[in-house]
Amino acid sequence: LPRARVVYCSATSVSEPKNLGFMNRLGLWGRGTEHASFQEFIDSIENLGTGAIELNAMHLKSLGALQARQLSYSTCDFELVDVVSDENFSAVYEQAARIFVDLYSALVKSGARKTEFWAEPLRFFK
């Protein structure tokens, strides 16, 4: 049923392009497109970096193929908790920060792309 209407739902399709894999009817890869396979599409997006992910989302929105919504936090409760760290925790934290500084310096010296780097410190220090 190639002309059947389909609605795909995903909370992470735009932020993680690999999560588009099951959405083969979007027309982003396959016969008649620039990318012969999903893997070729992903490789292309990843090589181009974060900007390409954003452009892809804008393209899908302009076609009416994507709607982005934000969940309401109106009924959620949050509590801020101050945690006092000990010297051991502070030392480990400082060591981890130095490791990420050293990794970044090595990336800059090597001329490698840094787009993927920034996600790791965010995950670690979260």
Foldseek 3Di string as FASTA:
>chain_A
DLPDDDADDDPCCLVDVVVCQVVVNLQDEPPPHPHNHSVSSNVVQVVVADVSSVVVQVVCVVVVNDDDDDDDCVPPDDDDDDDDDDPVVVVVVVVVVVVLVVVVVVCVVVVHDCRVSVVVVVVVVD
